[in-house]
PDB file of N, CA and C in Angstrom:
ATOM      1  N   MET A   1      10.596  -4.113  -8.239  1.00  0.00           N
ATOM      2  CA  MET A   1       9.718  -5.067  -7.598  1.00  0.00           C
ATOM      3  C   MET A   1      10.068  -5.152  -6.112  1.00  0.00           C
ATOM      4  N   GLU A   2       9.045  -5.252  -5.280  1.00  0.00           N
ATOM      5  CA  GLU A   2       9.269  -5.324  -3.833  1.00  0.00           C
ATOM      6  C   GLU A   2       9.822  -6.674  -3.421  1.00  0.00           C
ATOM      7  N   THR A   3      10.661  -6.616  -2.429  1.00  0.00           N
ATOM      8  CA  THR A   3      11.177  -7.874  -1.893  1.00  0.00           C
ATOM      9  C   THR A   3      10.196  -8.435  -0.881  1.00  0.00           C
ATOM     10  N   VAL A   4      10.326  -9.700  -0.593  1.00  0.00           N
ATOM     11  CA  VAL A   4       9.470 -10.356   0.396  1.00  0.00           C
ATOM     12  C   VAL A   4       9.628  -9.676   1.751  1.00  0.00           C
ATOM     13  N   ALA A   5      10.849  -9.275   2.084  1.00  0.00           N
ATOM     14  CA  ALA A   5      11.101  -8.625   3.376  1.00  0.00           C
ATOM     15  C   ALA A   5      10.359  -7.293   3.483  1.00  0.00           C
ATOM     16  N   ARG A   6      10.338  -6.516   2.402  1.00  0.00           N
ATOM     17  CA  ARG A   6       9.629  -5.224   2.437  1.00  0.00           C
ATOM     18  C   ARG A   6       8.138  -5.423   2.585  1.00  0.00           C
ATOM     19  N   VAL A   7       7.594  -6.407   1.900  1.00  0.00           N
ATOM     20  CA  VAL A   7       6.159  -6.700   2.021  1.00  0.00           C
ATOM     21  C   VAL A   7       5.848  -7.134   3.452  1.00  0.00           C
ATOM     22  N   ALA A   8       6.694  -7.988   4.021  1.00  0.00           N
ATOM     23  CA  ALA A   8       6.484  -8.447   5.399  1.00  0.00           C
ATOM     24  C   ALA A   8       6.552  -7.280   6.371  1.00  0.00           C
ATOM     25  N   ASP A   9       7.502  -6.357   6.178  1.00  0.00           N
ATOM     26  CA  ASP A   9       7.598  -5.169   7.040  1.00  0.00           C
ATOM     27  C   ASP A   9       6.332  -4.332   6.966  1.00  0.00           C
ATOM     28  N   ARG A  10       5.831  -4.139   5.758  1.00  0.00           N
ATOM     29  CA  ARG A  10       4.623  -3.337   5.587  1.00  0.00           C
ATOM     30  C   ARG A  10       3.429  -4.012   6.243  1.00  0.00           C
ATOM     31  N   GLN A  11       3.309  -5.316   6.134  1.00  0.00           N
ATOM     32  CA  GLN A  11       2.195  -6.039   6.741  1.00  0.00           C
ATOM     33  C   GLN A  11       2.233  -5.931   8.262  1.00  0.00           C
ATOM     34  N   ARG A  12       3.416  -5.921   8.850  1.00  0.00           N
ATOM     35  CA  ARG A  12       3.524  -5.792  10.310  1.00  0.00           C
ATOM     36  C   ARG A  12       3.074  -4.420  10.785  1.00  0.00           C
ATOM     37  N   SER A  13       3.181  -3.405   9.928  1.00  0.00           N
ATOM     38  CA  SER A  13       2.827  -2.047  10.335  1.00  0.00           C
ATOM     39  C   SER A  13       1.336  -1.749  10.172  1.00  0.00           C
ATOM     40  N   VAL A  14       0.582  -2.666   9.602  1.00  0.00           N
ATOM     41  CA  VAL A  14      -0.854  -2.467   9.392  1.00  0.00           C
ATOM     42  C   VAL A  14      -1.599  -2.821  10.678  1.00  0.00           C
ATOM     43  N   ARG A  15      -2.476  -1.935  11.091  1.00  0.00           N
ATOM     44  CA  ARG A  15      -3.253  -2.202  12.293  1.00  0.00           C
ATOM     45  C   ARG A  15      -4.674  -2.593  11.917  1.00  0.00           C
ATOM     46  N   GLU A  16      -5.321  -3.281  12.796  1.00  0.00           N
ATOM     47  CA  GLU A  16      -6.717  -3.650  12.572  1.00  0.00           C
ATOM     48  C   GLU A  16      -7.605  -2.423  12.782  1.00  0.00           C
ATOM     49  N   LEU A  17      -8.732  -2.431  12.102  1.00  0.00           N
ATOM     50  CA  LEU A  17      -9.689  -1.337  12.268  1.00  0.00           C
ATOM     51  C   LEU A  17     -10.407  -1.488  13.597  1.00  0.00           C
ATOM     52  N   ASP A  18     -10.710  -0.343  14.210  1.00  0.00           N
ATOM     53  CA  ASP A  18     -11.511  -0.428  15.430  1.00  0.00           C
ATOM     54  C   ASP A  18     -12.979  -0.591  15.032  1.00  0.00           C
ATOM     55  N   GLU A  19     -13.838  -0.747  15.996  1.00  0.00           N
ATOM     56  CA  GLU A  19     -15.249  -1.040  15.728  1.00  0.00           C
ATOM     57  C   GLU A  19     -15.916   0.054  14.888  1.00  0.00           C
ATOM     58  N   ARG A  20     -15.631   1.300  15.198  1.00  0.00           N
ATOM     59  CA  ARG A  20     -16.216   2.429  14.470  1.00  0.00           C
ATOM     60  C   ARG A  20     -15.716   2.472  13.021  1.00  0.00           C
ATOM     61  N   GLU A  21     -14.435   2.261  12.826  1.00  0.00           N
ATOM     62  CA  GLU A  21     -13.866   2.259  11.481  1.00  0.00           C
ATOM     63  C   GLU A  21     -14.419   1.100  10.651  1.00  0.00           C
ATOM     64  N   MET A  22     -14.530  -0.058  11.269  1.00  0.00           N
ATOM     65  CA  MET A  22     -15.063  -1.229  10.564  1.00  0.00           C
ATOM     66  C   MET A  22     -16.521  -0.997  10.171  1.00  0.00           C
ATOM     67  N   ALA A  23     -17.288  -0.378  11.044  1.00  0.00           N
ATOM     68  CA  ALA A  23     -18.692  -0.080  10.732  1.00  0.00           C
ATOM     69  C   ALA A  23     -18.775   0.887   9.549  1.00  0.00           C
ATOM     70  N   ALA A  24     -17.884   1.872   9.517  1.00  0.00           N
ATOM     71  CA  ALA A  24     -17.874   2.839   8.416  1.00  0.00           C
ATOM     72  C   ALA A  24     -17.524   2.146   7.095  1.00  0.00           C
ATOM     73  N   TRP A  25     -16.494   1.305   7.104  1.00  0.00           N
ATOM     74  CA  TRP A  25     -16.109   0.586   5.885  1.00  0.00           C
ATOM     75  C   TRP A  25     -17.205  -0.361   5.432  1.00  0.00           C
ATOM     76  N   THR A  26     -17.830  -1.041   6.361  1.00  0.00           N
ATOM     77  CA  THR A  26     -18.903  -1.962   6.010  1.00  0.00           C
ATOM     78  C   THR A  26     -20.062  -1.209   5.360  1.00  0.00           C
ATOM     79  N   ALA A  27     -20.426  -0.073   5.932  1.00  0.00           N
ATOM     80  CA  ALA A  27     -21.507   0.735   5.367  1.00  0.00           C
ATOM     81  C   ALA A  27     -21.134   1.237   3.975  1.00  0.00           C
ATOM     82  N   PHE A  28     -19.893   1.672   3.808  1.00  0.00           N
ATOM     83  CA  PHE A  28     -19.428   2.142   2.504  1.00  0.00           C
ATOM     84  C   PHE A  28     -19.495   1.022   1.460  1.00  0.00           C
ATOM     85  N   LEU A  29     -19.006  -0.146   1.819  1.00  0.00           N
ATOM     86  CA  LEU A  29     -19.007  -1.265   0.873  1.00  0.00           C
ATOM     87  C   LEU A  29     -20.425  -1.695   0.511  1.00  0.00           C
ATOM     88  N   GLU A  30     -21.312  -1.720   1.492  1.00  0.00           N
ATOM     89  CA  GLU A  30     -22.705  -2.082   1.215  1.00  0.00           C
ATOM     90  C   GLU A  30     -23.368  -1.056   0.309  1.00  0.00           C
ATOM     91  N   ALA A  31     -23.132   0.232   0.568  1.00  0.00           N
ATOM     92  CA  ALA A  31     -23.706   1.286  -0.266  1.00  0.00           C
ATOM     93  C   ALA A  31     -23.132   1.226  -1.680  1.00  0.00           C
ATOM     94  N   SER A  32     -21.835   1.009  -1.795  1.00  0.00           N
ATOM     95  CA  SER A  32     -21.205   0.894  -3.120  1.00  0.00           C
ATOM     96  C   SER A  32     -21.810  -0.251  -3.910  1.00  0.00           C
ATOM     97  N   HIS A  33     -22.029  -1.364  -3.240  1.00  0.00           N
ATOM     98  CA  HIS A  33     -22.618  -2.530  -3.897  1.00  0.00           C
ATOM     99  C   HIS A  33     -24.032  -2.217  -4.388  1.00  0.00           C
ATOM    100  N   ARG A  34     -24.814  -1.533  -3.543  1.00  0.00           N
ATOM    101  CA  ARG A  34     -26.185  -1.180  -3.942  1.00  0.00           C
ATOM    102  C   ARG A  34     -26.179  -0.234  -5.146  1.00  0.00           C
ATOM    103  N   VAL A  35     -25.271   0.741  -5.148  1.00  0.00           N
ATOM    104  CA  VAL A  35     -25.187   1.678  -6.278  1.00  0.00           C
ATOM    105  C   VAL A  35     -24.797   0.922  -7.549  1.00  0.00           C
ATOM    106  N   PHE A  36     -23.793   0.079  -7.463  1.00  0.00           N
ATOM    107  CA  PHE A  36     -23.357  -0.692  -8.625  1.00  0.00           C
ATOM    108  C   PHE A  36     -24.501  -1.527  -9.184  1.00  0.00           C
ATOM    109  N   ARG A  37     -25.202  -2.248  -8.307  1.00  0.00           N
ATOM    110  CA  ARG A  37     -26.306  -3.106  -8.755  1.00  0.00           C
ATOM    111  C   ARG A  37     -27.423  -2.267  -9.387  1.00  0.00           C
ATOM    112  N   SER A  38     -27.704  -1.100  -8.819  1.00  0.00           N
ATOM    113  CA  SER A  38     -28.741  -0.235  -9.360  1.00  0.00           C
ATOM    114  C   SER A  38     -28.361   0.284 -10.747  1.00  0.00           C
ATOM    115  N   VAL A  39     -27.121   0.711 -10.906  1.00  0.00           N
ATOM    116  CA  VAL A  39     -26.650   1.182 -12.214  1.00  0.00           C
ATOM    117  C   VAL A  39     -26.685   0.042 -13.223  1.00  0.00           C
ATOM    118  N   GLU A  40     -26.241  -1.127 -12.800  1.00  0.00           N
ATOM    119  CA  GLU A  40     -26.257  -2.308 -13.671  1.00  0.00           C
ATOM    120  C   GLU A  40     -27.676  -2.605 -14.147  1.00  0.00           C
ATOM    121  N   GLN A  41     -28.629  -2.583 -13.238  1.00  0.00           N
ATOM    122  CA  GLN A  41     -30.020  -2.863 -13.581  1.00  0.00           C
ATOM    123  C   GLN A  41     -30.566  -1.802 -14.535  1.00  0.00           C
ATOM    124  N   GLN A  42     -30.264  -0.543 -14.267  1.00  0.00           N
ATOM    125  CA  GLN A  42     -30.746   0.540 -15.123  1.00  0.00           C
ATOM    126  C   GLN A  42     -30.148   0.440 -16.527  1.00  0.00           C
ATOM    127  N   LEU A  43     -28.844   0.122 -16.619  1.00  0.00           N
ATOM    128  CA  LEU A  43     -28.209  -0.043 -17.926  1.00  0.00           C
ATOM    129  C   LEU A  43     -28.868  -1.169 -18.718  1.00  0.00           C
ATOM    130  N   LYS A  44     -29.169  -2.258 -18.049  1.00  0.00           N
ATOM    131  CA  LYS A  44     -29.793  -3.390 -18.733  1.00  0.00           C
ATOM    132  C   LYS A  44     -31.199  -3.045 -19.206  1.00  0.00           C
ATOM    133  N   GLN A  45     -31.978  -2.380 -18.343  1.00  0.00           N
ATOM    134  CA  GLN A  45     -33.366  -2.063 -18.678  1.00  0.00           C
ATOM    135  C   GLN A  45     -33.472  -1.015 -19.775  1.00  0.00           C
ATOM    136  N   GLU A  46     -32.660   0.047 -19.662  1.00  0.00           N
ATOM    137  CA  GLU A  46     -32.832   1.175 -20.572  1.00  0.00           C
ATOM    138  C   GLU A  46     -32.018   1.062 -21.860  1.00  0.00           C
ATOM    139  N   ALA A  47     -30.884   0.379 -21.815  1.00  0.00           N
ATOM    140  CA  ALA A  47     -30.022   0.347 -22.994  1.00  0.00           C
ATOM    141  C   ALA A  47     -29.616  -1.061 -23.422  1.00  0.00           C
ATOM    142  N   GLY A  48     -30.034  -2.056 -22.657  1.00  0.00           N
ATOM    143  CA  GLY A  48     -29.648  -3.413 -22.998  1.00  0.00           C
ATOM    144  C   GLY A  48     -28.169  -3.690 -22.802  1.00  0.00           C
ATOM    145  N   LEU A  49     -27.524  -2.874 -21.963  1.00  0.00           N
ATOM    146  CA  LEU A  49     -26.093  -3.013 -21.712  1.00  0.00           C
ATOM    147  C   LEU A  49     -25.826  -3.528 -20.310  1.00  0.00           C
ATOM    148  N   SER A  50     -24.694  -4.170 -20.162  1.00  0.00           N
ATOM    149  CA  SER A  50     -24.223  -4.522 -18.827  1.00  0.00           C
ATOM    150  C   SER A  50     -23.061  -3.595 -18.500  1.00  0.00           C
ATOM    151  N   HIS A  51     -22.666  -3.557 -17.247  1.00  0.00           N
ATOM    152  CA  HIS A  51     -21.536  -2.733 -16.849  1.00  0.00           C
ATOM    153  C   HIS A  51     -20.286  -3.143 -17.628  1.00  0.00           C
ATOM    154  N   ALA A  52     -20.080  -4.443 -17.777  1.00  0.00           N
ATOM    155  CA  ALA A  52     -18.937  -4.936 -18.538  1.00  0.00           C
ATOM    156  C   ALA A  52     -19.011  -4.447 -19.984  1.00  0.00           C
ATOM    157  N   GLY A  53     -20.207  -4.419 -20.542  1.00  0.00           N
ATOM    158  CA  GLY A  53     -20.376  -3.933 -21.908  1.00  0.00           C
ATOM    159  C   GLY A  53     -20.037  -2.464 -22.046  1.00  0.00           C
ATOM    160  N   THR A  54     -20.396  -1.663 -21.047  1.00  0.00           N
ATOM    161  CA  THR A  54     -20.079  -0.236 -21.126  1.00  0.00           C
ATOM    162  C   THR A  54     -18.585  -0.008 -20.962  1.00  0.00           C
ATOM    163  N   ARG A  55     -17.922  -0.823 -20.137  1.00  0.00           N
ATOM    164  CA  ARG A  55     -16.473  -0.687 -19.993  1.00  0.00           C
ATOM    165  C   ARG A  55     -15.782  -1.017 -21.305  1.00  0.00           C
ATOM    166  N   SER A  56     -16.255  -2.056 -21.975  1.00  0.00           N
ATOM    167  CA  SER A  56     -15.686  -2.442 -23.260  1.00  0.00           C
ATOM    168  C   SER A  56     -15.915  -1.342 -24.291  1.00  0.00           C
ATOM    169  N   TRP A  57     -17.116  -0.777 -24.306  1.00  0.00           N
ATOM    170  CA  TRP A  57     -17.445   0.284 -25.247  1.00  0.00           C
ATOM    171  C   TRP A  57     -16.598   1.519 -24.979  1.00  0.00           C
ATOM    172  N   SER A  58     -16.495   1.938 -23.725  1.00  0.00           N
ATOM    173  CA  SER A  58     -15.732   3.151 -23.416  1.00  0.00           C
ATOM    174  C   SER A  58     -14.253   2.950 -23.693  1.00  0.00           C
ATOM    175  N   SER A  59     -13.766   1.752 -23.462  1.00  0.00           N
ATOM    176  CA  SER A  59     -12.368   1.450 -23.746  1.00  0.00           C
ATOM    177  C   SER A  59     -12.096   1.563 -25.248  1.00  0.00           C
ATOM    178  N   SER A  60     -12.991   1.053 -26.063  1.00  0.00           N
ATOM    179  CA  SER A  60     -12.798   1.139 -27.511  1.00  0.00           C
ATOM    180  C   SER A  60     -12.903   2.591 -27.976  1.00  0.00           C
ATOM    181  N   ARG A  61     -13.757   3.393 -27.346  1.00  0.00           N
ATOM    182  CA  ARG A  61     -13.890   4.817 -27.698  1.00  0.00           C
ATOM    183  C   ARG A  61     -12.601   5.560 -27.348  1.00  0.00           C
ATOM    184  N   ARG A  62     -12.007   5.254 -26.199  1.00  0.00           N
ATOM    185  CA  ARG A  62     -10.750   5.926 -25.827  1.00  0.00           C
ATOM    186  C   ARG A  62      -9.650   5.602 -26.828  1.00  0.00           C
ATOM    187  N   ARG A  63      -9.585   4.337 -27.245  1.00  0.00           N
ATOM    188  CA  ARG A  63      -8.545   3.959 -28.211  1.00  0.00           C
ATOM    189  C   ARG A  63      -8.751   4.674 -29.545  1.00  0.00           C
ATOM    190  N   ALA A  64     -10.005   4.957 -29.901  1.00  0.00           N
ATOM    191  CA  ALA A  64     -10.309   5.592 -31.168  1.00  0.00           C
ATOM    192  C   ALA A  64     -10.148   7.108 -31.111  1.00  0.00           C
ATOM    193  N   THR A  65     -10.001   7.663 -29.920  1.00  0.00           N
ATOM    194  CA  THR A  65      -9.880   9.107 -29.746  1.00  0.00           C
ATOM    195  C   THR A  65      -8.402   9.488 -29.663  1.00  0.00           C
ATOM    196  N   PRO A  66      -7.940  10.352 -30.574  1.00  0.00           N
ATOM    197  CA  PRO A  66      -6.530  10.757 -30.535  1.00  0.00           C
ATOM    198  C   PRO A  66      -6.146  11.361 -29.186  1.00  0.00           C
ATOM    199  N   GLY A  67      -5.028  10.934 -28.648  1.00  0.00           N
ATOM    200  CA  GLY A  67      -4.536  11.448 -27.365  1.00  0.00           C
ATOM    201  C   GLY A  67      -5.125  10.779 -26.160  1.00  0.00           C
ATOM    202  N   CYS A  68      -6.022   9.814 -26.347  1.00  0.00           N
ATOM    203  CA  CYS A  68      -6.644   9.116 -25.226  1.00  0.00           C
ATOM    204  C   CYS A  68      -6.342   7.638 -25.325  1.00  0.00           C
ATOM    205  N   GLY A  69      -5.118   7.245 -25.067  1.00  0.00           N
ATOM    206  CA  GLY A  69      -4.758   5.848 -25.264  1.00  0.00           C
ATOM    207  C   GLY A  69      -4.838   5.084 -24.054  1.00  0.00           C
TER     208      GLY A  69
END
């Protein structure tokens, strides 16, 4: 487990994003959100599932598959 001092050292070494980097991250996050919402809507319309439901289903399938724990 990390000590408080190590976490503080790491936080001091983090720099703020410049304007171009922040614009890129903002665009990425907005696009990711749109993709997630679109997939969520499609799952609900076509299969009656939510994203949370598919995660639960896939998790149970992995547990039931030998070697995929």
